[in-house]
Structures are given as structure tokens and as C-alpha cells.
């Protein structure tokens, strides 16, 4: 259970980080720019090339959504959906049978 929660939190952080990066790449990168000189030099290309940063943010956003959806598709969550689908099929069968009898 804790592993799933950790993955879900990672996905949510990736989604948030990716969204902020897509919307305001320069501002977001400048928030992280404070630190050792090596760190600042590593962030320079992201500040200088905002469109590249947006693309990477969109990729991070997509990866976060993918990870989140994978957490929803566990056996525990798909089992109730299978029951819902089966009930829907039963309802459709009974509706068809009722329609045949009415004719």
C-alpha cells in the first residue's frame, strides 16, 4: 500500500512540476537557479531556451499522467469496474428480452 502511495505522490509532483514548467518555464527555472555555480550552469540552458523547457515539461506532465493512470489500473480498482461492466451487459440483455416480448 505504501509503495502505491509513493508512486501516486511522485506522479502528482511530476504533473504539477510539468504543468508549471509548460506555463512559465523561465520563471520556474529561475526559482531553482540559486545554489552552487555548477547547479546554476546546469540550469542555464533551460532558462535560455524556454521552448525546449516547455517540451520537457510537457513530457514530464505526460509521464506523470501515465504513472498516475497505472496506479488506478491495479487489480483492486479494475475488479469493481468489471462488475459494473457485467451489470451493464445484464441490463442490456434484459432490455433486449423485454423489447422482444413487447413485440
N, C-alpha and C. Protein backbone atom coordinates (compact mmCIF):
# COMPACT_ATOMS: atom_id res chain seq x y z
N UNK A 1 0.81 -1.19 0.00
CA UNK A 1 0.00 0.00 0.00
C UNK A 1 0.86 1.27 0.00
N UNK A 2 1.95 1.27 0.77
CA UNK A 2 2.81 2.45 0.82
C UNK A 2 3.53 2.68 -0.50
N UNK A 3 3.88 1.61 -1.18
CA UNK A 3 4.56 1.77 -2.47
C UNK A 3 3.63 2.45 -3.48
N UNK A 4 2.36 2.05 -3.48
CA UNK A 4 1.40 2.68 -4.39
C UNK A 4 1.21 4.15 -4.06
N UNK A 5 1.17 4.46 -2.77
CA UNK A 5 1.02 5.86 -2.36
C UNK A 5 2.24 6.68 -2.78
N UNK A 6 3.41 6.10 -2.64
CA UNK A 6 4.64 6.81 -3.03
C UNK A 6 4.63 7.06 -4.54
N UNK A 7 4.21 6.08 -5.32
CA UNK A 7 4.14 6.26 -6.77
C UNK A 7 3.11 7.32 -7.14
N UNK A 8 1.98 7.30 -6.44
CA UNK A 8 0.94 8.29 -6.69
C UNK A 8 1.46 9.70 -6.38
N UNK A 9 2.16 9.85 -5.26
CA UNK A 9 2.71 11.16 -4.91
C UNK A 9 3.75 11.62 -5.92
N UNK A 10 4.58 10.69 -6.38
CA UNK A 10 5.57 11.03 -7.40
C UNK A 10 4.87 11.49 -8.67
N UNK A 11 3.81 10.80 -9.05
CA UNK A 11 3.05 11.17 -10.25
C UNK A 11 2.44 12.56 -10.08
N UNK A 12 1.88 12.85 -8.92
CA UNK A 12 1.28 14.16 -8.70
C UNK A 12 2.32 15.27 -8.73
N UNK A 13 3.48 15.01 -8.16
CA UNK A 13 4.55 16.01 -8.21
C UNK A 13 5.03 16.22 -9.64
N UNK A 14 5.13 15.14 -10.41
CA UNK A 14 5.55 15.28 -11.81
C UNK A 14 4.52 16.08 -12.61
N UNK A 15 3.25 15.82 -12.35
CA UNK A 15 2.20 16.55 -13.06
C UNK A 15 2.27 18.03 -12.73
N UNK A 16 2.38 18.35 -11.45
CA UNK A 16 2.45 19.75 -11.05
C UNK A 16 3.69 20.45 -11.60
N UNK A 17 4.82 19.79 -11.47
CA UNK A 17 6.08 20.36 -11.98
C UNK A 17 6.01 20.56 -13.49
N UNK A 18 5.48 19.56 -14.20
CA UNK A 18 5.37 19.66 -15.65
C UNK A 18 4.43 20.78 -16.08
N UNK A 19 3.32 20.93 -15.38
CA UNK A 19 2.35 21.97 -15.72
C UNK A 19 2.94 23.36 -15.50
N UNK A 20 3.58 23.56 -14.37
CA UNK A 20 4.21 24.86 -14.09
C UNK A 20 5.30 25.14 -15.12
N UNK A 21 6.06 24.13 -15.50
CA UNK A 21 7.13 24.31 -16.48
C UNK A 21 6.57 24.67 -17.86
N UNK A 22 5.45 24.08 -18.24
CA UNK A 22 4.84 24.40 -19.53
C UNK A 22 4.32 25.83 -19.53
N UNK A 23 3.71 26.25 -18.44
CA UNK A 23 3.08 27.57 -18.38
C UNK A 23 4.11 28.69 -18.24
N UNK A 24 5.07 28.56 -17.33
CA UNK A 24 6.05 29.62 -17.06
C UNK A 24 7.46 29.03 -16.96
N UNK A 25 8.07 28.63 -18.07
CA UNK A 25 9.37 27.95 -17.98
C UNK A 25 10.50 28.82 -17.42
N UNK A 26 10.58 30.08 -17.85
CA UNK A 26 11.68 30.92 -17.37
C UNK A 26 11.57 31.17 -15.87
N UNK A 27 10.38 31.57 -15.43
CA UNK A 27 10.16 31.87 -14.02
C UNK A 27 10.40 30.64 -13.15
N UNK A 28 9.92 29.52 -13.61
CA UNK A 28 10.08 28.29 -12.83
C UNK A 28 11.56 27.90 -12.71
N UNK A 29 12.27 28.00 -13.79
CA UNK A 29 13.71 27.67 -13.74
C UNK A 29 14.48 28.65 -12.86
N UNK A 30 14.11 29.92 -12.89
CA UNK A 30 14.80 30.90 -12.06
C UNK A 30 14.60 30.63 -10.57
N UNK A 31 13.47 30.03 -10.21
CA UNK A 31 13.24 29.68 -8.80
C UNK A 31 14.26 28.66 -8.31
N UNK A 32 14.70 27.79 -9.21
CA UNK A 32 15.63 26.72 -8.83
C UNK A 32 17.09 27.10 -9.07
N UNK A 33 17.32 28.31 -9.59
CA UNK A 33 18.67 28.66 -10.01
C UNK A 33 19.63 28.98 -8.87
N UNK A 34 19.14 29.28 -7.70
CA UNK A 34 20.01 29.62 -6.57
C UNK A 34 20.74 28.37 -6.09
N UNK A 35 22.03 28.50 -5.87
CA UNK A 35 22.81 27.38 -5.38
C UNK A 35 24.24 27.45 -5.86
N UNK A 36 24.92 26.32 -5.81
CA UNK A 36 26.31 26.29 -6.27
C UNK A 36 26.43 26.66 -7.75
N UNK A 37 27.58 27.14 -8.14
CA UNK A 37 27.80 27.58 -9.52
C UNK A 37 27.54 26.45 -10.52
N UNK A 38 27.93 25.24 -10.19
CA UNK A 38 27.68 24.10 -11.08
C UNK A 38 26.19 23.93 -11.32
N UNK A 39 25.42 24.05 -10.26
CA UNK A 39 23.96 23.92 -10.36
C UNK A 39 23.40 25.02 -11.28
N UNK A 40 23.87 26.25 -11.09
CA UNK A 40 23.40 27.35 -11.91
C UNK A 40 23.74 27.13 -13.38
N UNK A 41 24.95 26.63 -13.66
CA UNK A 41 25.34 26.36 -15.05
C UNK A 41 24.49 25.25 -15.66
N UNK A 42 24.08 24.29 -14.83
CA UNK A 42 23.22 23.21 -15.34
C UNK A 42 21.84 23.75 -15.75
N UNK A 43 21.37 24.78 -15.07
CA UNK A 43 20.05 25.33 -15.36
C UNK A 43 20.05 26.38 -16.46
N UNK A 44 21.21 26.91 -16.80
CA UNK A 44 21.30 27.95 -17.83
C UNK A 44 20.62 27.57 -19.15
N UNK A 45 20.84 26.38 -19.70
CA UNK A 45 20.18 26.04 -20.97
C UNK A 45 18.66 26.05 -20.88
N UNK A 46 18.12 25.69 -19.73
CA UNK A 46 16.67 25.69 -19.57
C UNK A 46 16.12 27.11 -19.53
N UNK A 47 16.86 28.02 -18.90
CA UNK A 47 16.45 29.43 -18.84
C UNK A 47 16.61 30.07 -20.22
N UNK A 48 17.69 29.74 -20.92
CA UNK A 48 17.97 30.36 -22.23
C UNK A 48 17.07 29.83 -23.34
N UNK A 49 16.54 28.64 -23.20
CA UNK A 49 15.71 28.02 -24.25
C UNK A 49 14.35 27.62 -23.67
N UNK A 50 13.44 28.58 -23.53
CA UNK A 50 12.15 28.29 -22.88
C UNK A 50 11.29 27.28 -23.65
N UNK A 51 11.36 27.28 -24.97
CA UNK A 51 10.54 26.32 -25.72
C UNK A 51 11.01 24.89 -25.50
N UNK A 52 12.33 24.69 -25.44
CA UNK A 52 12.85 23.37 -25.11
C UNK A 52 12.39 22.96 -23.71
N UNK A 53 12.39 23.91 -22.79
CA UNK A 53 11.96 23.64 -21.43
C UNK A 53 10.48 23.28 -21.41
N UNK A 54 9.68 23.97 -22.22
CA UNK A 54 8.25 23.63 -22.30
C UNK A 54 8.03 22.21 -22.80
N UNK A 55 8.79 21.83 -23.81
CA UNK A 55 8.66 20.46 -24.35
C UNK A 55 9.01 19.43 -23.28
N UNK A 56 10.08 19.68 -22.55
CA UNK A 56 10.46 18.77 -21.47
C UNK A 56 9.40 18.76 -20.36
N UNK A 57 8.81 19.93 -20.09
CA UNK A 57 7.73 19.99 -19.11
C UNK A 57 6.51 19.21 -19.56
N UNK A 58 6.19 19.30 -20.85
CA UNK A 58 5.06 18.53 -21.39
C UNK A 58 5.33 17.02 -21.31
N UNK A 59 6.58 16.63 -21.56
CA UNK A 59 6.94 15.22 -21.43
C UNK A 59 6.82 14.77 -19.97
N UNK A 60 7.24 15.62 -19.05
CA UNK A 60 7.12 15.29 -17.63
C UNK A 60 5.65 15.20 -17.23
N UNK A 61 4.83 16.08 -17.75
CA UNK A 61 3.40 16.05 -17.49
C UNK A 61 2.78 14.74 -18.00
N UNK A 62 3.13 14.36 -19.21
CA UNK A 62 2.61 13.11 -19.78
C UNK A 62 3.07 11.89 -18.98
N UNK A 63 4.33 11.89 -18.60
CA UNK A 63 4.86 10.79 -17.81
C UNK A 63 4.16 10.71 -16.45
N UNK A 64 3.90 11.86 -15.85
CA UNK A 64 3.18 11.87 -14.57
C UNK A 64 1.77 11.32 -14.71
N UNK A 65 1.06 11.71 -15.78
CA UNK A 65 -0.28 11.16 -16.01
C UNK A 65 -0.22 9.66 -16.24
N UNK A 66 0.76 9.21 -17.01
CA UNK A 66 0.90 7.78 -17.28
C UNK A 66 1.10 7.01 -15.98
N UNK A 67 1.98 7.52 -15.14
CA UNK A 67 2.25 6.86 -13.87
C UNK A 67 1.01 6.85 -12.98
N UNK A 68 0.28 7.96 -12.96
CA UNK A 68 -0.94 8.02 -12.14
C UNK A 68 -1.99 7.04 -12.65
N UNK A 69 -2.17 6.97 -13.95
CA UNK A 69 -3.17 6.04 -14.51
C UNK A 69 -2.79 4.60 -14.21
N UNK A 70 -1.51 4.30 -14.26
CA UNK A 70 -1.07 2.94 -13.93
C UNK A 70 -1.42 2.57 -12.49
N UNK A 71 -1.43 3.54 -11.60
CA UNK A 71 -1.79 3.27 -10.22
C UNK A 71 -3.27 2.98 -10.10
N UNK A 72 -4.08 3.61 -10.95
CA UNK A 72 -5.52 3.38 -10.91
C UNK A 72 -5.89 2.02 -11.47
N UNK A 73 -5.06 1.45 -12.33
CA UNK A 73 -5.38 0.21 -13.00
C UNK A 73 -4.84 -1.02 -12.26
N UNK A 74 -4.83 -0.97 -10.95
CA UNK A 74 -4.42 -2.14 -10.19
C UNK A 74 -5.57 -3.13 -10.16
N UNK A 75 -5.32 -4.33 -9.71
CA UNK A 75 -6.36 -5.35 -9.67
C UNK A 75 -7.52 -4.93 -8.79
N UNK A 76 -7.22 -4.26 -7.67
CA UNK A 76 -8.27 -3.83 -6.76
C UNK A 76 -9.22 -2.84 -7.40
N UNK A 77 -8.71 -1.98 -8.27
CA UNK A 77 -9.57 -0.97 -8.88
C UNK A 77 -10.25 -1.47 -10.14
N UNK A 78 -9.67 -2.42 -10.84
CA UNK A 78 -10.32 -2.91 -12.06
C UNK A 78 -11.41 -3.91 -11.74
N UNK A 79 -11.29 -4.63 -10.63
CA UNK A 79 -12.30 -5.62 -10.28
C UNK A 79 -13.69 -4.99 -10.14
N UNK A 80 -13.86 -3.87 -9.43
CA UNK A 80 -15.19 -3.24 -9.38
C UNK A 80 -15.68 -2.80 -10.75
N UNK A 81 -14.79 -2.33 -11.61
CA UNK A 81 -15.21 -1.92 -12.95
C UNK A 81 -15.69 -3.11 -13.76
N UNK A 82 -15.08 -4.26 -13.56
CA UNK A 82 -15.55 -5.46 -14.25
C UNK A 82 -16.97 -5.79 -13.83
N UNK A 83 -17.28 -5.62 -12.54
CA UNK A 83 -18.63 -5.85 -12.06
C UNK A 83 -19.60 -4.85 -12.68
N UNK A 84 -19.20 -3.62 -12.81
CA UNK A 84 -20.06 -2.60 -13.42
C UNK A 84 -20.33 -2.95 -14.87
N UNK A 85 -19.29 -3.37 -15.59
CA UNK A 85 -19.47 -3.77 -17.00
C UNK A 85 -20.41 -4.96 -17.12
N UNK A 86 -20.25 -5.94 -16.23
CA UNK A 86 -21.11 -7.13 -16.26
C UNK A 86 -22.56 -6.76 -15.97
N UNK A 87 -22.76 -5.87 -15.02
CA UNK A 87 -24.13 -5.42 -14.74
C UNK A 87 -24.72 -4.70 -15.93
N UNK A 88 -23.90 -3.92 -16.62
CA UNK A 88 -24.36 -3.23 -17.83
C UNK A 88 -24.75 -4.22 -18.91
N UNK A 89 -23.96 -5.27 -19.07
CA UNK A 89 -24.30 -6.31 -20.07
C UNK A 89 -25.60 -7.01 -19.68
N UNK A 90 -25.77 -7.32 -18.40
CA UNK A 90 -27.00 -7.97 -17.94
C UNK A 90 -28.20 -7.06 -18.19
N UNK A 91 -28.06 -5.78 -17.92
CA UNK A 91 -29.14 -4.84 -18.16
C UNK A 91 -29.48 -4.79 -19.65
N UNK A 92 -28.47 -4.76 -20.50
CA UNK A 92 -28.71 -4.72 -21.95
C UNK A 92 -29.42 -5.99 -22.41
N UNK A 93 -29.00 -7.15 -21.87
CA UNK A 93 -29.67 -8.41 -22.23
C UNK A 93 -31.14 -8.39 -21.81
N UNK A 94 -31.40 -7.94 -20.57
CA UNK A 94 -32.78 -7.93 -20.09
C UNK A 94 -33.60 -6.91 -20.87
N UNK A 95 -33.01 -5.80 -21.28
CA UNK A 95 -33.74 -4.81 -22.08
C UNK A 95 -34.08 -5.37 -23.45
N UNK A 96 -33.15 -6.12 -24.05
CA UNK A 96 -33.42 -6.75 -25.36
C UNK A 96 -34.53 -7.79 -25.23
N UNK A 97 -34.48 -8.58 -24.17
CA UNK A 97 -35.50 -9.59 -23.97
C UNK A 97 -36.87 -8.94 -23.75
N UNK A 98 -36.92 -7.87 -22.97
CA UNK A 98 -38.17 -7.16 -22.74
C UNK A 98 -38.70 -6.57 -24.03
N UNK A 99 -37.81 -6.07 -24.88
CA UNK A 99 -38.24 -5.50 -26.15
C UNK A 99 -38.79 -6.58 -27.07
N UNK A 100 -38.20 -7.77 -27.07
CA UNK A 100 -38.71 -8.88 -27.89
C UNK A 100 -40.09 -9.32 -27.41
N UNK A 101 -40.27 -9.37 -26.08
CA UNK A 101 -41.55 -9.80 -25.54
C UNK A 101 -42.63 -8.79 -25.81
N UNK A 102 -42.27 -7.53 -25.88
CA UNK A 102 -43.26 -6.47 -26.12
C UNK A 102 -43.76 -6.49 -27.55
N UNK A 103 -42.99 -7.07 -28.46
CA UNK A 103 -43.38 -7.08 -29.88
C UNK A 103 -44.32 -8.16 -30.18
